[in-house]
């Protein structure tokens, strides 16, 4: 990988890696498993503004794997078979901010698809846009020092439920919230 610092606030990065997975055994059809291989490429930009109070990363990614093993259904029965080439590609973006003392914000967005060479989606590979937002506030005043509160929201796109693409798991949204209190070294 390479990182190039354009300015103190802006960095560009690129990364390439290759993998090899030795395999032994047989798939559900009695075929000998062949070794797997793959590669991964990522390029992007990273921002660090206002003494780190606003940071962000945008990246375009692509990974390819040959010889991965998938769970599927053959003649109504669960099976595992070694597939050909699979590719994950798309983009991701995250942003963190601390606009004032005690307040931390996080936003993340991504759109990464995973498909086999035949066009089938990977099991559990989100087929669409995903995003999340999170906010946390640590109270600053003397009376409430040690108390904190947070809230988060997450949206996950629909995805295929099996390697044969026979059913779709629906997208979902979650909301989370918490309150906390810290008394060194304990956190509740």
C-alpha atoms as a PDB file:
ATOM      1  CA  UNK A   1       0.000   0.000   0.000  1.00  0.00           C
ATOM      2  CA  UNK A   2       0.945   3.626  -0.549  1.00  0.00           C
ATOM      3  CA  UNK A   3      -0.164   6.769   1.268  1.00  0.00           C
ATOM      4  CA  UNK A   4       0.546  10.209  -0.195  1.00  0.00           C
ATOM      5  CA  UNK A   5      -0.024  13.236   1.999  1.00  0.00           C
ATOM      6  CA  UNK A   6      -1.183  15.996  -0.373  1.00  0.00           C
ATOM      7  CA  UNK A   7      -1.531  18.546   2.459  1.00  0.00           C
ATOM      8  CA  UNK A   8      -1.465  18.144   6.245  1.00  0.00           C
ATOM      9  CA  UNK A   9      -5.255  17.689   6.052  1.00  0.00           C
ATOM     10  CA  UNK A  10      -5.632  15.505   2.926  1.00  0.00           C
ATOM     11  CA  UNK A  11      -4.089  12.102   2.172  1.00  0.00           C
ATOM     12  CA  UNK A  12      -4.529   9.828  -0.827  1.00  0.00           C
ATOM     13  CA  UNK A  13      -4.061   6.076  -0.457  1.00  0.00           C
ATOM     14  CA  UNK A  14      -3.925   2.957  -2.582  1.00  0.00           C
ATOM     15  CA  UNK A  15      -3.548  -0.687  -1.651  1.00  0.00           C
ATOM     16  CA  UNK A  16      -3.182  -3.986  -3.509  1.00  0.00           C
ATOM     17  CA  UNK A  17      -2.964  -7.431  -1.912  1.00  0.00           C
ATOM     18  CA  UNK A  18      -3.059 -11.032  -3.093  1.00  0.00           C
ATOM     19  CA  UNK A  19      -4.122 -14.167  -1.229  1.00  0.00           C
ATOM     20  CA  UNK A  20      -3.691 -17.924  -1.573  1.00  0.00           C
ATOM     21  CA  UNK A  21      -5.828 -20.508   0.255  1.00  0.00           C
ATOM     22  CA  UNK A  22      -4.736 -24.131   0.163  1.00  0.00           C
ATOM     23  CA  UNK A  23      -7.733 -26.449   0.284  1.00  0.00           C
ATOM     24  CA  UNK A  24      -8.199 -30.178   0.622  1.00  0.00           C
ATOM     25  CA  UNK A  25     -11.228 -32.409   0.584  1.00  0.00           C
ATOM     26  CA  UNK A  26     -14.318 -32.654  -1.627  1.00  0.00           C
ATOM     27  CA  UNK A  27     -17.485 -30.652  -2.209  1.00  0.00           C
ATOM     28  CA  UNK A  28     -21.004 -32.131  -1.895  1.00  0.00           C
ATOM     29  CA  UNK A  29     -20.866 -33.337  -5.496  1.00  0.00           C
ATOM     30  CA  UNK A  30     -17.667 -35.326  -4.891  1.00  0.00           C
ATOM     31  CA  UNK A  31     -15.409 -32.910  -6.761  1.00  0.00           C
ATOM     32  CA  UNK A  32     -11.942 -32.361  -5.297  1.00  0.00           C
ATOM     33  CA  UNK A  33     -11.564 -28.846  -3.912  1.00  0.00           C
ATOM     34  CA  UNK A  34      -8.961 -26.778  -5.716  1.00  0.00           C
ATOM     35  CA  UNK A  35      -6.811 -24.146  -4.038  1.00  0.00           C
ATOM     36  CA  UNK A  36      -8.275 -20.676  -3.790  1.00  0.00           C
ATOM     37  CA  UNK A  37      -6.688 -17.374  -4.722  1.00  0.00           C
ATOM     38  CA  UNK A  38      -7.709 -13.764  -4.753  1.00  0.00           C
ATOM     39  CA  UNK A  39      -6.720 -10.141  -4.874  1.00  0.00           C
ATOM     40  CA  UNK A  40      -7.910  -6.880  -3.412  1.00  0.00           C
ATOM     41  CA  UNK A  41      -7.589  -3.266  -4.566  1.00  0.00           C
ATOM     42  CA  UNK A  42      -8.593  -0.109  -2.739  1.00  0.00           C
ATOM     43  CA  UNK A  43      -8.052   3.576  -3.503  1.00  0.00           C
ATOM     44  CA  UNK A  44      -9.312   6.560  -1.594  1.00  0.00           C
ATOM     45  CA  UNK A  45      -8.903   9.853   0.161  1.00  0.00           C
ATOM     46  CA  UNK A  46      -8.715  10.679   3.874  1.00  0.00           C
ATOM     47  CA  UNK A  47      -9.502  14.086   5.406  1.00  0.00           C
ATOM     48  CA  UNK A  48      -8.404  15.349   8.823  1.00  0.00           C
ATOM     49  CA  UNK A  49      -9.700  18.882   9.446  1.00  0.00           C
ATOM     50  CA  UNK A  50      -9.823  21.293  12.374  1.00  0.00           C
ATOM     51  CA  UNK A  51      -7.251  19.473  14.513  1.00  0.00           C
ATOM     52  CA  UNK A  52      -9.020  16.132  14.091  1.00  0.00           C
ATOM     53  CA  UNK A  53     -12.479  17.415  15.013  1.00  0.00           C
ATOM     54  CA  UNK A  54     -13.708  16.458  11.524  1.00  0.00           C
ATOM     55  CA  UNK A  55     -12.327  13.369   9.782  1.00  0.00           C
ATOM     56  CA  UNK A  56     -13.538  11.375   6.823  1.00  0.00           C
ATOM     57  CA  UNK A  57     -12.562   8.575   4.482  1.00  0.00           C
ATOM     58  CA  UNK A  58     -13.871   7.770   1.022  1.00  0.00           C
ATOM     59  CA  UNK A  59     -12.718   4.553  -0.665  1.00  0.00           C
ATOM     60  CA  UNK A  60     -13.485   2.542  -3.780  1.00  0.00           C
ATOM     61  CA  UNK A  61     -12.867  -1.182  -3.253  1.00  0.00           C
ATOM     62  CA  UNK A  62     -12.755  -4.336  -5.340  1.00  0.00           C
ATOM     63  CA  UNK A  63     -11.896  -7.855  -4.185  1.00  0.00           C
ATOM     64  CA  UNK A  64     -11.865 -10.971  -6.316  1.00  0.00           C
ATOM     65  CA  UNK A  65     -11.736 -14.564  -5.087  1.00  0.00           C
ATOM     66  CA  UNK A  66     -11.413 -17.688  -7.216  1.00  0.00           C
ATOM     67  CA  UNK A  67     -12.382 -21.067  -5.796  1.00  0.00           C
ATOM     68  CA  UNK A  68     -14.576 -19.976  -2.904  1.00  0.00           C
ATOM     69  CA  UNK A  69     -16.936 -22.534  -1.353  1.00  0.00           C
ATOM     70  CA  UNK A  70     -20.644 -21.684  -1.071  1.00  0.00           C
ATOM     71  CA  UNK A  71     -23.593 -23.279   0.672  1.00  0.00           C
ATOM     72  CA  UNK A  72     -26.471 -23.933  -1.711  1.00  0.00           C
ATOM     73  CA  UNK A  73     -29.425 -26.245  -2.307  1.00  0.00           C
ATOM     74  CA  UNK A  74     -29.219 -29.146  -4.781  1.00  0.00           C
ATOM     75  CA  UNK A  75     -32.384 -31.190  -5.423  1.00  0.00           C
ATOM     76  CA  UNK A  76     -33.905 -29.766  -2.249  1.00  0.00           C
ATOM     77  CA  UNK A  77     -30.948 -30.650  -0.005  1.00  0.00           C
ATOM     78  CA  UNK A  78     -28.304 -28.379   1.499  1.00  0.00           C
ATOM     79  CA  UNK A  79     -24.953 -28.719  -0.230  1.00  0.00           C
ATOM     80  CA  UNK A  80     -21.586 -27.035  -0.493  1.00  0.00           C
ATOM     81  CA  UNK A  81     -19.926 -26.535  -3.851  1.00  0.00           C
ATOM     82  CA  UNK A  82     -16.822 -24.772  -5.014  1.00  0.00           C
ATOM     83  CA  UNK A  83     -17.766 -21.881  -7.241  1.00  0.00           C
ATOM     84  CA  UNK A  84     -15.703 -19.949  -9.748  1.00  0.00           C
ATOM     85  CA  UNK A  85     -14.743 -16.308  -9.444  1.00  0.00           C
ATOM     86  CA  UNK A  86     -16.573 -13.978  -7.066  1.00  0.00           C
ATOM     87  CA  UNK A  87     -16.204 -10.212  -6.924  1.00  0.00           C
ATOM     88  CA  UNK A  88     -17.076  -7.649  -4.263  1.00  0.00           C
ATOM     89  CA  UNK A  89     -16.949  -4.079  -5.492  1.00  0.00           C
ATOM     90  CA  UNK A  90     -18.300  -0.692  -4.580  1.00  0.00           C
ATOM     91  CA  UNK A  91     -17.555   2.252  -2.351  1.00  0.00           C
ATOM     92  CA  UNK A  92     -17.668   3.274   1.302  1.00  0.00           C
ATOM     93  CA  UNK A  93     -17.607   6.629   3.087  1.00  0.00           C
ATOM     94  CA  UNK A  94     -17.371   7.528   6.757  1.00  0.00           C
ATOM     95  CA  UNK A  95     -17.340  10.848   8.560  1.00  0.00           C
ATOM     96  CA  UNK A  96     -16.672  11.621  12.222  1.00  0.00           C
ATOM     97  CA  UNK A  97     -17.104  15.007  13.868  1.00  0.00           C
ATOM     98  CA  UNK A  98     -16.746  16.643  17.251  1.00  0.00           C
ATOM     99  CA  UNK A  99     -18.523  19.980  16.741  1.00  0.00           C
ATOM    100  CA  UNK A 100     -18.338  20.858  20.453  1.00  0.00           C
ATOM    101  CA  UNK A 101     -16.831  19.460  23.628  1.00  0.00           C
ATOM    102  CA  UNK A 102     -18.491  16.184  24.623  1.00  0.00           C
ATOM    103  CA  UNK A 103     -20.448  15.665  21.379  1.00  0.00           C
ATOM    104  CA  UNK A 104     -19.242  12.979  18.953  1.00  0.00           C
ATOM    105  CA  UNK A 105     -21.003  12.217  15.663  1.00  0.00           C
ATOM    106  CA  UNK A 106     -20.400   9.356  13.226  1.00  0.00           C
ATOM    107  CA  UNK A 107     -21.937   8.704   9.802  1.00  0.00           C
ATOM    108  CA  UNK A 108     -21.116   5.778   7.511  1.00  0.00           C
ATOM    109  CA  UNK A 109     -22.400   4.957   4.035  1.00  0.00           C
ATOM    110  CA  UNK A 110     -21.607   2.091   1.667  1.00  0.00           C
ATOM    111  CA  UNK A 111     -22.770   0.442  -1.516  1.00  0.00           C
ATOM    112  CA  UNK A 112     -20.833  -2.797  -2.086  1.00  0.00           C
ATOM    113  CA  UNK A 113     -22.194  -5.696  -4.122  1.00  0.00           C
ATOM    114  CA  UNK A 114     -20.857  -9.248  -4.070  1.00  0.00           C
ATOM    115  CA  UNK A 115     -21.518 -11.397  -7.142  1.00  0.00           C
ATOM    116  CA  UNK A 116     -20.250 -14.585  -8.704  1.00  0.00           C
ATOM    117  CA  UNK A 117     -19.158 -14.746 -12.341  1.00  0.00           C
ATOM    118  CA  UNK A 118     -22.645 -16.058 -13.230  1.00  0.00           C
ATOM    119  CA  UNK A 119     -24.223 -12.930 -11.721  1.00  0.00           C
ATOM    120  CA  UNK A 120     -25.565 -14.603  -8.566  1.00  0.00           C
ATOM    121  CA  UNK A 121     -25.227 -12.624  -5.346  1.00  0.00           C
ATOM    122  CA  UNK A 122     -23.257 -13.957  -2.392  1.00  0.00           C
ATOM    123  CA  UNK A 123     -25.269 -15.122   0.589  1.00  0.00           C
ATOM    124  CA  UNK A 124     -25.568 -12.211   3.033  1.00  0.00           C
ATOM    125  CA  UNK A 125     -23.987  -9.754   0.569  1.00  0.00           C
ATOM    126  CA  UNK A 126     -26.058  -6.604   0.772  1.00  0.00           C
ATOM    127  CA  UNK A 127     -27.480  -5.751  -2.623  1.00  0.00           C
ATOM    128  CA  UNK A 128     -27.822  -2.026  -2.144  1.00  0.00           C
ATOM    129  CA  UNK A 129     -27.157   1.095  -0.158  1.00  0.00           C
ATOM    130  CA  UNK A 130     -26.411   0.808   3.589  1.00  0.00           C
ATOM    131  CA  UNK A 131     -25.916   3.585   6.084  1.00  0.00           C
ATOM    132  CA  UNK A 132     -25.688   4.374   9.785  1.00  0.00           C
ATOM    133  CA  UNK A 133     -25.675   7.439  12.030  1.00  0.00           C
ATOM    134  CA  UNK A 134     -24.523   7.629  15.630  1.00  0.00           C
ATOM    135  CA  UNK A 135     -24.317  10.424  18.205  1.00  0.00           C
ATOM    136  CA  UNK A 136     -22.873  10.405  21.725  1.00  0.00           C
ATOM    137  CA  UNK A 137     -22.802  13.187  24.278  1.00  0.00           C
ATOM    138  CA  UNK A 138     -20.633  13.159  27.403  1.00  0.00           C
ATOM    139  CA  UNK A 139     -22.022  15.757  29.807  1.00  0.00           C
ATOM    140  CA  UNK A 140     -19.521  18.468  30.642  1.00  0.00           C
ATOM    141  CA  UNK A 141     -21.072  20.292  33.622  1.00  0.00           C
ATOM    142  CA  UNK A 142     -19.899  19.576  37.171  1.00  0.00           C
ATOM    143  CA  UNK A 143     -23.297  18.228  38.306  1.00  0.00           C
ATOM    144  CA  UNK A 144     -23.606  15.693  35.455  1.00  0.00           C
ATOM    145  CA  UNK A 145     -19.923  14.941  34.815  1.00  0.00           C
ATOM    146  CA  UNK A 146     -19.491  11.217  34.149  1.00  0.00           C
ATOM    147  CA  UNK A 147     -22.936  10.807  32.557  1.00  0.00           C
ATOM    148  CA  UNK A 148     -23.315  10.130  28.835  1.00  0.00           C
ATOM    149  CA  UNK A 149     -26.071   9.377  26.363  1.00  0.00           C
ATOM    150  CA  UNK A 150     -26.053   8.039  22.827  1.00  0.00           C
ATOM    151  CA  UNK A 151     -28.405   7.248  19.987  1.00  0.00           C
ATOM    152  CA  UNK A 152     -27.783   5.372  16.753  1.00  0.00           C
ATOM    153  CA  UNK A 153     -29.627   4.446  13.592  1.00  0.00           C
ATOM    154  CA  UNK A 154     -28.653   1.763  11.060  1.00  0.00           C
ATOM    155  CA  UNK A 155     -30.209   0.836   7.693  1.00  0.00           C
ATOM    156  CA  UNK A 156     -29.182  -2.450   6.039  1.00  0.00           C
ATOM    157  CA  UNK A 157     -30.255  -3.262   2.471  1.00  0.00           C
ATOM    158  CA  UNK A 158     -31.918  -6.516   1.456  1.00  0.00           C
ATOM    159  CA  UNK A 159     -29.640  -9.457   0.769  1.00  0.00           C
ATOM    160  CA  UNK A 160     -29.818 -12.983  -0.562  1.00  0.00           C
ATOM    161  CA  UNK A 161     -30.357 -15.637   2.086  1.00  0.00           C
ATOM    162  CA  UNK A 162     -28.554 -18.502   0.346  1.00  0.00           C
ATOM    163  CA  UNK A 163     -25.879 -19.154  -2.245  1.00  0.00           C
ATOM    164  CA  UNK A 164     -28.442 -20.311  -4.800  1.00  0.00           C
ATOM    165  CA  UNK A 165     -30.292 -16.965  -4.578  1.00  0.00           C
ATOM    166  CA  UNK A 166     -33.598 -18.731  -3.858  1.00  0.00           C
ATOM    167  CA  UNK A 167     -34.848 -16.231  -1.262  1.00  0.00           C
ATOM    168  CA  UNK A 168     -34.189 -12.658  -0.164  1.00  0.00           C
ATOM    169  CA  UNK A 169     -33.793 -11.538   3.419  1.00  0.00           C
ATOM    170  CA  UNK A 170     -35.481  -8.154   3.699  1.00  0.00           C
ATOM    171  CA  UNK A 171     -33.609  -5.011   4.565  1.00  0.00           C
ATOM    172  CA  UNK A 172     -33.979  -3.751   8.090  1.00  0.00           C
ATOM    173  CA  UNK A 173     -33.465  -0.735  10.292  1.00  0.00           C
ATOM    174  CA  UNK A 174     -32.351  -0.591  13.899  1.00  0.00           C
ATOM    175  CA  UNK A 175     -32.396   2.182  16.451  1.00  0.00           C
ATOM    176  CA  UNK A 176     -30.219   1.944  19.525  1.00  0.00           C
ATOM    177  CA  UNK A 177     -29.900   4.194  22.535  1.00  0.00           C
ATOM    178  CA  UNK A 178     -27.900   4.102  25.734  1.00  0.00           C
ATOM    179  CA  UNK A 179     -27.146   6.026  28.876  1.00  0.00           C
ATOM    180  CA  UNK A 180     -23.969   5.615  30.816  1.00  0.00           C
ATOM    181  CA  UNK A 181     -22.079   6.660  33.887  1.00  0.00           C
ATOM    182  CA  UNK A 182     -18.340   6.500  34.448  1.00  0.00           C
ATOM    183  CA  UNK A 183     -16.657   6.347  37.833  1.00  0.00           C
ATOM    184  CA  UNK A 184     -12.994   5.596  37.235  1.00  0.00           C
ATOM    185  CA  UNK A 185     -12.117   2.770  36.588  1.00  0.00           C
ATOM    186  CA  UNK A 186     -15.741   1.582  36.237  1.00  0.00           C
ATOM    187  CA  UNK A 187     -18.111   2.311  33.384  1.00  0.00           C
ATOM    188  CA  UNK A 188     -21.829   1.510  33.534  1.00  0.00           C
END
